[in-house]
Each structure stands twice: as C-alpha cells, then as structure tokens.
C-alpha atoms as a PDB file:
ATOM      1  CA  MET A   1     -15.184  13.651  50.868  1.00  0.00           C
ATOM      2  CA  ASN A   2     -17.325  10.549  51.084  1.00  0.00           C
ATOM      3  CA  SER A   3     -15.414   8.046  48.935  1.00  0.00           C
ATOM      4  CA  SER A   4     -18.432   5.756  48.760  1.00  0.00           C
ATOM      5  CA  ALA A   5     -20.169   8.466  46.699  1.00  0.00           C
ATOM      6  CA  GLU A   6     -17.193   9.099  44.424  1.00  0.00           C
ATOM      7  CA  LEU A   7     -18.243   8.506  40.843  1.00  0.00           C
ATOM      8  CA  LEU A   8     -14.996   9.264  38.993  1.00  0.00           C
ATOM      9  CA  SER A   9     -11.392   9.537  40.095  1.00  0.00           C
ATOM     10  CA  PHE A  10      -9.074  10.913  37.403  1.00  0.00           C
ATOM     11  CA  LYS A  11      -5.705  10.801  39.111  1.00  0.00           C
ATOM     12  CA  ASN A  12      -2.332  12.102  37.867  1.00  0.00           C
ATOM     13  CA  VAL A  13      -3.261  11.327  34.259  1.00  0.00           C
ATOM     14  CA  SER A  14      -0.787  12.074  31.485  1.00  0.00           C
ATOM     15  CA  VAL A  15      -1.312  11.400  27.769  1.00  0.00           C
ATOM     16  CA  ARG A  16       1.171  11.949  24.979  1.00  0.00           C
ATOM     17  CA  TYR A  17       0.401  11.731  21.278  1.00  0.00           C
ATOM     18  CA  THR A  18       3.349  10.585  19.201  1.00  0.00           C
ATOM     19  CA  GLU A  19       2.152   9.586  15.737  1.00  0.00           C
ATOM     20  CA  GLY A  20       1.780  12.659  13.531  1.00  0.00           C
ATOM     21  CA  SER A  21       2.341  15.049  16.421  1.00  0.00           C
ATOM     22  CA  PHE A  22       4.778  17.955  16.290  1.00  0.00           C
ATOM     23  CA  SER A  23       4.212  18.986  19.902  1.00  0.00           C
ATOM     24  CA  ASP A  24       6.909  18.437  22.499  1.00  0.00           C
ATOM     25  CA  ARG A  25       4.394  18.507  25.379  1.00  0.00           C
ATOM     26  CA  ASN A  26       1.850  16.091  26.766  1.00  0.00           C
ATOM     27  CA  ALA A  27      -1.765  16.347  25.612  1.00  0.00           C
ATOM     28  CA  LEU A  28      -2.620  15.865  29.301  1.00  0.00           C
ATOM     29  CA  ASP A  29       0.018  16.554  31.934  1.00  0.00           C
ATOM     30  CA  ASP A  30      -0.522  15.114  35.425  1.00  0.00           C
ATOM     31  CA  VAL A  31      -4.228  16.026  35.587  1.00  0.00           C
ATOM     32  CA  THR A  32      -6.193  15.144  38.721  1.00  0.00           C
ATOM     33  CA  PHE A  33      -9.853  15.689  39.591  1.00  0.00           C
ATOM     34  CA  SER A  34     -12.792  13.704  40.913  1.00  0.00           C
ATOM     35  CA  LEU A  35     -16.551  13.775  40.474  1.00  0.00           C
ATOM     36  CA  MET A  36     -19.152  12.786  43.040  1.00  0.00           C
ATOM     37  CA  GLN A  37     -22.477  11.094  42.483  1.00  0.00           C
ATOM     38  CA  GLY A  38     -25.269  13.563  41.723  1.00  0.00           C
ATOM     39  CA  SER A  39     -23.013  16.411  40.597  1.00  0.00           C
ATOM     40  CA  GLY A  40     -25.387  17.474  37.824  1.00  0.00           C
ATOM     41  CA  PHE A  41     -23.581  19.545  35.182  1.00  0.00           C
ATOM     42  CA  VAL A  42     -19.791  19.906  35.345  1.00  0.00           C
ATOM     43  CA  ALA A  43     -18.043  21.988  32.662  1.00  0.00           C
ATOM     44  CA  LEU A  44     -14.674  21.037  31.187  1.00  0.00           C
ATOM     45  CA  THR A  45     -13.469  24.217  29.491  1.00  0.00           C
ATOM     46  CA  GLY A  46     -10.360  25.600  27.876  1.00  0.00           C
ATOM     47  CA  PRO A  47      -9.073  26.716  24.481  1.00  0.00           C
ATOM     48  CA  ASN A  48      -8.903  24.385  21.503  1.00  0.00           C
ATOM     49  CA  GLY A  49      -6.071  21.888  21.966  1.00  0.00           C
ATOM     50  CA  SER A  50      -6.086  22.198  25.748  1.00  0.00           C
ATOM     51  CA  GLY A  51      -6.927  18.507  26.305  1.00  0.00           C
ATOM     52  CA  LYS A  52     -10.713  18.469  26.803  1.00  0.00           C
ATOM     53  CA  THR A  53     -11.517  15.791  24.223  1.00  0.00           C
ATOM     54  CA  THR A  54      -8.436  13.831  25.266  1.00  0.00           C
ATOM     55  CA  ALA A  55      -9.669  13.719  28.863  1.00  0.00           C
ATOM     56  CA  LEU A  56     -13.076  12.425  27.779  1.00  0.00           C
ATOM     57  CA  ARG A  57     -11.441   9.789  25.560  1.00  0.00           C
ATOM     58  CA  VAL A  58      -9.363   8.562  28.504  1.00  0.00           C
ATOM     59  CA  ILE A  59     -12.445   8.316  30.740  1.00  0.00           C
ATOM     60  CA  SER A  60     -14.409   6.451  28.065  1.00  0.00           C
ATOM     61  CA  GLY A  61     -11.563   4.023  27.360  1.00  0.00           C
ATOM     62  CA  GLN A  62     -10.751   5.198  23.831  1.00  0.00           C
ATOM     63  CA  LEU A  63      -7.274   6.293  24.963  1.00  0.00           C
ATOM     64  CA  ARG A  64      -4.890   4.761  27.469  1.00  0.00           C
ATOM     65  CA  PRO A  65      -2.751   7.176  29.517  1.00  0.00           C
ATOM     66  CA  ILE A  66       1.013   6.851  29.784  1.00  0.00           C
ATOM     67  CA  HIS A  67       0.695   7.612  33.485  1.00  0.00           C
ATOM     68  CA  GLY A  68      -2.055   7.836  36.095  1.00  0.00           C
ATOM     69  CA  SER A  69      -5.309   6.029  36.790  1.00  0.00           C
ATOM     70  CA  VAL A  70      -9.045   6.205  36.114  1.00  0.00           C
ATOM     71  CA  LEU A  71     -11.527   4.821  38.643  1.00  0.00           C
ATOM     72  CA  LEU A  72     -15.283   4.553  38.102  1.00  0.00           C
ATOM     73  CA  CYS A  73     -17.324   4.034  41.281  1.00  0.00           C
ATOM     74  CA  GLY A  74     -14.142   2.909  43.021  1.00  0.00           C
ATOM     75  CA  GLN A  75     -13.144   0.361  40.367  1.00  0.00           C
ATOM     76  CA  ASP A  76      -9.861   0.834  38.518  1.00  0.00           C
ATOM     77  CA  VAL A  77     -10.724   0.806  34.799  1.00  0.00           C
ATOM     78  CA  THR A  78      -7.483   2.347  33.513  1.00  0.00           C
ATOM     79  CA  ASP A  79      -6.671  -0.687  31.388  1.00  0.00           C
ATOM     80  CA  GLU A  80     -10.247  -1.777  30.662  1.00  0.00           C
ATOM     81  CA  PRO A  81     -11.732  -1.359  27.160  1.00  0.00           C
ATOM     82  CA  SER A  82     -14.705   0.922  26.550  1.00  0.00           C
ATOM     83  CA  HIS A  83     -17.337  -1.840  26.570  1.00  0.00           C
ATOM     84  CA  LYS A  84     -16.343  -2.880  30.090  1.00  0.00           C
ATOM     85  CA  ARG A  85     -16.799   0.595  31.559  1.00  0.00           C
ATOM     86  CA  HIS A  86     -20.340   0.183  32.790  1.00  0.00           C
ATOM     87  CA  GLY A  87     -22.532   3.125  33.706  1.00  0.00           C
ATOM     88  CA  LEU A  88     -21.063   5.448  31.068  1.00  0.00           C
ATOM     89  CA  GLY A  89     -22.911   7.295  28.334  1.00  0.00           C
ATOM     90  CA  CYS A  90     -21.268   9.350  25.572  1.00  0.00           C
ATOM     91  CA  VAL A  91     -22.374  12.258  23.395  1.00  0.00           C
ATOM     92  CA  PHE A  92     -19.877  12.658  20.564  1.00  0.00           C
ATOM     93  CA  GLN A  93     -18.847  15.705  18.526  1.00  0.00           C
ATOM     94  CA  ARG A  94     -20.025  13.807  15.432  1.00  0.00           C
ATOM     95  CA  ALA A  95     -23.504  12.889  16.592  1.00  0.00           C
ATOM     96  CA  ILE A  96     -23.832   9.935  14.229  1.00  0.00           C
ATOM     97  CA  ASP A  97     -20.926   8.231  16.037  1.00  0.00           C
ATOM     98  CA  GLY A  98     -23.378   7.613  18.880  1.00  0.00           C
ATOM     99  CA  MET A  99     -25.727   5.554  16.706  1.00  0.00           C
ATOM    100  CA  CYS A 100     -25.356   2.327  14.733  1.00  0.00           C
ATOM    101  CA  SER A 101     -25.780   3.525  11.148  1.00  0.00           C
ATOM    102  CA  SER A 102     -26.874   0.114   9.806  1.00  0.00           C
ATOM    103  CA  LEU A 103     -29.867  -0.033  12.179  1.00  0.00           C
ATOM    104  CA  THR A 104     -33.090   1.942  12.045  1.00  0.00           C
ATOM    105  CA  VAL A 105     -33.879   4.538  14.687  1.00  0.00           C
ATOM    106  CA  GLU A 106     -36.290   2.070  16.301  1.00  0.00           C
ATOM    107  CA  GLU A 107     -33.607  -0.619  16.475  1.00  0.00           C
ATOM    108  CA  ASN A 108     -31.085   1.846  17.893  1.00  0.00           C
ATOM    109  CA  LEU A 109     -33.485   2.900  20.624  1.00  0.00           C
ATOM    110  CA  CYS A 110     -34.357  -0.722  21.440  1.00  0.00           C
ATOM    111  CA  LEU A 111     -30.676  -1.534  21.903  1.00  0.00           C
ATOM    112  CA  MET A 112     -30.808   0.572  25.053  1.00  0.00           C
ATOM    113  CA  LEU A 113     -32.967  -2.097  26.696  1.00  0.00           C
ATOM    114  CA  VAL A 114     -30.939  -5.200  25.838  1.00  0.00           C
ATOM    115  CA  ASP A 115     -29.760  -6.881  29.044  1.00  0.00           C
ATOM    116  CA  GLY A 116     -25.996  -6.625  29.387  1.00  0.00           C
ATOM    117  CA  GLY A 117     -25.666  -4.168  26.523  1.00  0.00           C
ATOM    118  CA  PRO A 118     -25.969  -4.511  22.740  1.00  0.00           C
ATOM    119  CA  ASN A 119     -25.432  -7.953  21.261  1.00  0.00           C
ATOM    120  CA  LEU A 120     -26.251  -8.291  17.581  1.00  0.00           C
ATOM    121  CA  LEU A 121     -26.033 -12.099  17.739  1.00  0.00           C
ATOM    122  CA  ARG A 122     -29.451 -12.349  19.404  1.00  0.00           C
ATOM    123  CA  PRO A 123     -32.839 -10.696  18.927  1.00  0.00           C
ATOM    124  CA  LEU A 124     -32.863  -7.070  20.041  1.00  0.00           C
ATOM    125  CA  VAL A 125     -35.776  -7.214  22.455  1.00  0.00           C
ATOM    126  CA  THR A 126     -39.003  -9.080  23.062  1.00  0.00           C
ATOM    127  CA  PRO A 127     -42.209  -7.471  21.740  1.00  0.00           C
ATOM    128  CA  PHE A 128     -43.090  -6.446  25.298  1.00  0.00           C
ATOM    129  CA  ARG A 129     -39.760  -4.711  25.873  1.00  0.00           C
ATOM    130  CA  LYS A 130     -39.933  -3.116  22.430  1.00  0.00           C
ATOM    131  CA  LYS A 131     -43.352  -1.633  23.242  1.00  0.00           C
ATOM    132  CA  ARG A 132     -42.033  -0.442  26.599  1.00  0.00           C
ATOM    133  CA  VAL A 133     -39.047   1.397  25.140  1.00  0.00           C
ATOM    134  CA  LEU A 134     -41.141   3.086  22.468  1.00  0.00           C
ATOM    135  CA  ASP A 135     -43.818   4.083  24.992  1.00  0.00           C
ATOM    136  CA  ARG A 136     -41.075   5.503  27.199  1.00  0.00           C
ATOM    137  CA  ALA A 137     -39.569   7.367  24.227  1.00  0.00           C
ATOM    138  CA  ARG A 138     -42.927   8.972  23.450  1.00  0.00           C
ATOM    139  CA  GLN A 139     -43.345   9.895  27.123  1.00  0.00           C
ATOM    140  CA  ILE A 140     -39.939  11.599  27.202  1.00  0.00           C
ATOM    141  CA  VAL A 141     -40.632  13.517  23.999  1.00  0.00           C
ATOM    142  CA  SER A 142     -44.069  14.742  25.050  1.00  0.00           C
ATOM    143  CA  GLY A 143     -43.024  15.356  28.661  1.00  0.00           C
ATOM    144  CA  GLU A 144     -40.262  17.785  27.721  1.00  0.00           C
ATOM    145  CA  GLY A 145     -42.579  19.832  25.489  1.00  0.00           C
ATOM    146  CA  ARG A 146     -40.280  19.983  22.464  1.00  0.00           C
ATOM    147  CA  HIS A 147     -43.043  20.661  19.928  1.00  0.00           C
ATOM    148  CA  THR A 148     -40.625  21.929  17.274  1.00  0.00           C
ATOM    149  CA  SER A 149     -38.411  18.841  17.506  1.00  0.00           C
ATOM    150  CA  LEU A 150     -38.312  16.149  14.841  1.00  0.00           C
ATOM    151  CA  LEU A 151     -39.024  13.811  17.755  1.00  0.00           C
ATOM    152  CA  ALA A 152     -42.495  15.323  18.131  1.00  0.00           C
ATOM    153  CA  ASP A 153     -43.465  12.940  15.319  1.00  0.00           C
ATOM    154  CA  LEU A 154     -41.537   9.978  16.709  1.00  0.00           C
ATOM    155  CA  LYS A 155     -43.583   7.461  14.745  1.00  0.00           C
ATOM    156  CA  GLY A 156     -42.519   9.096  11.506  1.00  0.00           C
ATOM    157  CA  VAL A 157     -38.783   8.634  12.179  1.00  0.00           C
ATOM    158  CA  LEU A 158     -38.620   5.138  13.682  1.00  0.00           C
ATOM    159  CA  GLN A 159     -38.089   3.220  10.424  1.00  0.00           C
ATOM    160  CA  ARG A 160     -35.526   5.641   9.026  1.00  0.00           C
ATOM    161  CA  TYR A 161     -31.744   5.435   9.426  1.00  0.00           C
ATOM    162  CA  PRO A 162     -29.504   7.860  11.360  1.00  0.00           C
ATOM    163  CA  ALA A 163     -27.670   8.994   8.202  1.00  0.00           C
ATOM    164  CA  GLU A 164     -30.951  10.402   6.862  1.00  0.00           C
ATOM    165  CA  PHE A 165     -31.011  13.128   9.519  1.00  0.00           C
ATOM    166  CA  SER A 166     -29.101  16.354   9.999  1.00  0.00           C
ATOM    167  CA  GLY A 167     -26.422  16.618  12.662  1.00  0.00           C
ATOM    168  CA  GLY A 168     -28.772  18.390  15.064  1.00  0.00           C
ATOM    169  CA  GLU A 169     -31.524  15.831  14.526  1.00  0.00           C
ATOM    170  CA  THR A 170     -29.102  12.947  15.045  1.00  0.00           C
ATOM    171  CA  GLN A 171     -27.901  14.606  18.246  1.00  0.00           C
ATOM    172  CA  GLN A 172     -31.495  14.605  19.485  1.00  0.00           C
ATOM    173  CA  LEU A 173     -31.757  10.891  18.731  1.00  0.00           C
ATOM    174  CA  CYS A 174     -28.509  10.153  20.588  1.00  0.00           C
ATOM    175  CA  LEU A 175     -29.699  12.088  23.628  1.00  0.00           C
ATOM    176  CA  LEU A 176     -33.061  10.317  23.533  1.00  0.00           C
ATOM    177  CA  ALA A 177     -31.223   6.980  23.474  1.00  0.00           C
ATOM    178  CA  LEU A 178     -29.256   7.989  26.581  1.00  0.00           C
ATOM    179  CA  LEU A 179     -32.471   9.019  28.341  1.00  0.00           C
ATOM    180  CA  LEU A 180     -33.861   5.547  27.574  1.00  0.00           C
ATOM    181  CA  GLN A 181     -30.785   3.625  28.697  1.00  0.00           C
ATOM    182  CA  GLU A 182     -31.449   0.915  31.294  1.00  0.00           C
ATOM    183  CA  PRO A 183     -30.013   0.982  33.816  1.00  0.00           C
ATOM    184  CA  PRO A 184     -29.443   4.737  33.482  1.00  0.00           C
ATOM    185  CA  ALA A 185     -25.877   5.946  32.997  1.00  0.00           C
ATOM    186  CA  ASN A 186     -24.192   7.265  36.148  1.00  0.00           C
ATOM    187  CA  LEU A 187     -21.859   9.475  34.142  1.00  0.00           C
ATOM    188  CA  VAL A 188     -22.496  11.062  30.738  1.00  0.00           C
ATOM    189  CA  LEU A 189     -19.547  12.466  28.777  1.00  0.00           C
ATOM    190  CA  ALA A 190     -20.606  15.157  26.300  1.00  0.00           C
ATOM    191  CA  ASP A 191     -18.021  16.481  23.847  1.00  0.00           C
ATOM    192  CA  GLU A 192     -19.157  19.859  22.456  1.00  0.00           C
ATOM    193  CA  PRO A 193     -22.775  18.638  22.255  1.00  0.00           C
ATOM    194  CA  THR A 194     -24.116  21.899  20.795  1.00  0.00           C
ATOM    195  CA  LEU A 195     -21.283  22.524  18.332  1.00  0.00           C
ATOM    196  CA  ASN A 196     -22.436  23.647  14.852  1.00  0.00           C
ATOM    197  CA  LEU A 197     -26.148  23.290  15.703  1.00  0.00           C
ATOM    198  CA  ASP A 198     -28.696  25.855  14.578  1.00  0.00           C
ATOM    199  CA  GLN A 199     -30.567  27.741  17.290  1.00  0.00           C
ATOM    200  CA  VAL A 200     -33.634  25.470  17.301  1.00  0.00           C
ATOM    201  CA  ASN A 201     -31.682  22.209  17.530  1.00  0.00           C
ATOM    202  CA  ARG A 202     -29.284  23.761  20.041  1.00  0.00           C
ATOM    203  CA  GLN A 203     -32.101  24.713  22.425  1.00  0.00           C
ATOM    204  CA  ILE A 204     -33.737  21.299  22.082  1.00  0.00           C
ATOM    205  CA  CYS A 205     -30.458  19.531  22.847  1.00  0.00           C
ATOM    206  CA  ILE A 206     -29.833  21.772  25.870  1.00  0.00           C
ATOM    207  CA  GLU A 207     -33.277  20.799  27.210  1.00  0.00           C
ATOM    208  CA  MET A 208     -32.453  17.125  26.726  1.00  0.00           C
ATOM    209  CA  LEU A 209     -29.072  17.526  28.431  1.00  0.00           C
ATOM    210  CA  VAL A 210     -30.800  19.191  31.376  1.00  0.00           C
ATOM    211  CA  ALA A 211     -33.138  16.185  31.580  1.00  0.00           C
ATOM    212  CA  LEU A 212     -30.087  13.881  31.596  1.00  0.00           C
ATOM    213  CA  SER A 213     -28.440  15.912  34.367  1.00  0.00           C
ATOM    214  CA  ARG A 214     -31.377  15.099  36.642  1.00  0.00           C
ATOM    215  CA  VAL A 215     -30.512  11.395  36.595  1.00  0.00           C
ATOM    216  CA  ALA A 216     -26.752  11.404  35.901  1.00  0.00           C
ATOM    217  CA  THR A 217     -23.634  13.480  36.336  1.00  0.00           C
ATOM    218  CA  VAL A 218     -22.907  15.167  32.978  1.00  0.00           C
ATOM    219  CA  LEU A 219     -19.315  16.169  32.209  1.00  0.00           C
ATOM    220  CA  LEU A 220     -19.436  18.714  29.377  1.00  0.00           C
ATOM    221  CA  ALA A 221     -16.447  19.630  27.241  1.00  0.00           C
ATOM    222  CA  THR A 222     -17.763  22.886  25.842  1.00  0.00           C
ATOM    223  CA  HIS A 223     -17.255  26.514  24.858  1.00  0.00           C
ATOM    224  CA  ASP A 224     -21.022  27.157  24.957  1.00  0.00           C
ATOM    225  CA  LYS A 225     -21.573  29.924  27.524  1.00  0.00           C
ATOM    226  CA  GLU A 226     -25.213  28.980  28.063  1.00  0.00           C
ATOM    227  CA  LEU A 227     -24.201  25.430  28.968  1.00  0.00           C
ATOM    228  CA  ILE A 228     -21.334  26.631  31.165  1.00  0.00           C
ATOM    229  CA  ASP A 229     -23.748  28.918  33.032  1.00  0.00           C
ATOM    230  CA  LEU A 230     -25.846  25.839  33.900  1.00  0.00           C
ATOM    231  CA  CYS A 231     -22.881  24.107  35.537  1.00  0.00           C
ATOM    232  CA  GLY A 232     -22.247  23.993  39.248  1.00  0.00           C
ATOM    233  CA  ARG A 233     -18.543  23.365  38.770  1.00  0.00           C
ATOM    234  CA  ILE A 234     -15.946  24.403  36.201  1.00  0.00           C
ATOM    235  CA  LEU A 235     -12.733  22.546  35.358  1.00  0.00           C
ATOM    236  CA  ARG A 236     -10.424  24.513  33.055  1.00  0.00           C
ATOM    237  CA  LEU A 237      -7.586  22.998  31.063  1.00  0.00           C
ATOM    238  CA  GLU A 238      -4.772  24.937  29.421  1.00  0.00           C
ATOM    239  CA  GLN A 239      -1.954  23.247  27.484  1.00  0.00           C
ATOM    240  CA  GLY A 240      -2.859  19.897  29.014  1.00  0.00           C
ATOM    241  CA  ARG A 241      -2.838  21.102  32.625  1.00  0.00           C
ATOM    242  CA  LEU A 242      -5.725  21.670  35.005  1.00  0.00           C
ATOM    243  CA  VAL A 243      -5.481  25.357  35.905  1.00  0.00           C
ATOM    244  CA  ARG A 244      -8.885  25.899  37.524  1.00  0.00           C
ATOM    245  CA  ASP A 245     -11.313  23.804  39.569  1.00  0.00           C
ATOM    246  CA  SER A 246     -14.057  25.949  41.023  1.00  0.00           C
ATOM    247  CA  GLU A 247     -17.672  25.767  42.041  1.00  0.00           C
ATOM    248  CA  THR A 248     -20.047  28.383  40.687  1.00  0.00           C
ATOM    249  CA  VAL A 249     -22.475  30.361  42.816  1.00  0.00           C
END
C-alpha cells in the first residue's frame, strides 16, 4: 500500500455510548480500515444499530472514540473538531442538516466558495465569485441532464430557504453544494443519502452522488442495493465489529 495515497486511516477505533444506553457492548469495537485516494464509491453496510452512523460521526469529528485513531491524509485528527478536518464533505440523514436554514439557497451555495470556509462575520463572496459559483451551479445542473429535478429551474429556487423544500429536494441542494465546494472534498461521508426519498428524487440523488464519486472518495452508509451495486468495495459492520472487507468484481 502506498501510504502517500492513503486518504483515511481508521485504526482500532472503539466507541461506547453511556448516557441513555442500555447496551453492555461498544457501538464500535476495535474497528480498523483504510481508504485510498480515488477509491470512488465504498459501501459501509450492516443492520440497523451495527455502528455505521457512529463510524461516520467519528470520521467527521462529531464523536470522539474511547480508543483508536483517525488520520486524514496522514494527519492525526482524532482530537480535532469537525471544522478543522479539511477536505471532508458530509451528506446527512436529515438533509436540511447540511444547509444553513437562516440563509437562502443562493447564500448557501456561495458559502462553498468562501476562502478558508464559511465565516458569517464577513461578506460571503465578491460579485465576481458569486457569479462564478452560480454559473458553475447551472453548468452542473444542465450537464447532468436532470430535467425533472427542481434544480432544472435553479433561478426559481435561489432566493428561497432550505426549509421550504421537501427532504428529497433539500438533499439535491446539499449534493449540489458539495459539487461546488472549492477546493473539492477529498472524502465525502454519506449517511443513508437515499433514505425515505421517492423514486424520482432517489434517482436524481444517485446521479449526483455518482458525479461526486468522480472527484472524491464517497463512503456510503447505506442499505440501498442500487448504491451498493455501484461500489467497488464493501465494508460490513455487525454489532460494532467489522466482519467483512471485500472488493466487488
């Protein structure tokens, strides 16, 4: 393995929930795996309660393990907060969690171009950068051919707020924001990104995830067979343990 191309090292990670938990086992129990640059789609599967969401929360910095380490591009980020884990993008189970609800869609998209990440204490972007992000958004929408998407009429949604859209529509907006991110994310964590979506929104979001996988490694926690079939590698968790790590043919 070429360590210089190692994107993520998740090594001997254990997590235990205590508050409000009746379980006598770890949510994650000594789990180890790594991801390389350019891995495309990687599936994180397993039954409900097996530790999939917990693993993503540890990688993103929302949870701190009781044991083990997390390295991103060779840098130990185990004790670093989420905002210091550069090169990460997240797709949440609740799509609206990926957007700032007090900002319009246009402002949310423009945040992707702010140098050094979002900072609400200064103007979002210059007029030039604002035009560039919106032109790029229109290019992405038209280039993927999603004519049934709400994004097909991007101009009509820019001044609205994320809470005005359905879950599937908000998921599209979150994925569009990730496609606009500069610099692009190296690793995208997607937690059940097609959960509870109708067929139209589900297919649109799968197309957008495929577009993301061309520029980033996408780690998918999912039960969606269609998404799993797109993956070149499958990691399976059961009762907090990694029981399978295999490449697909």
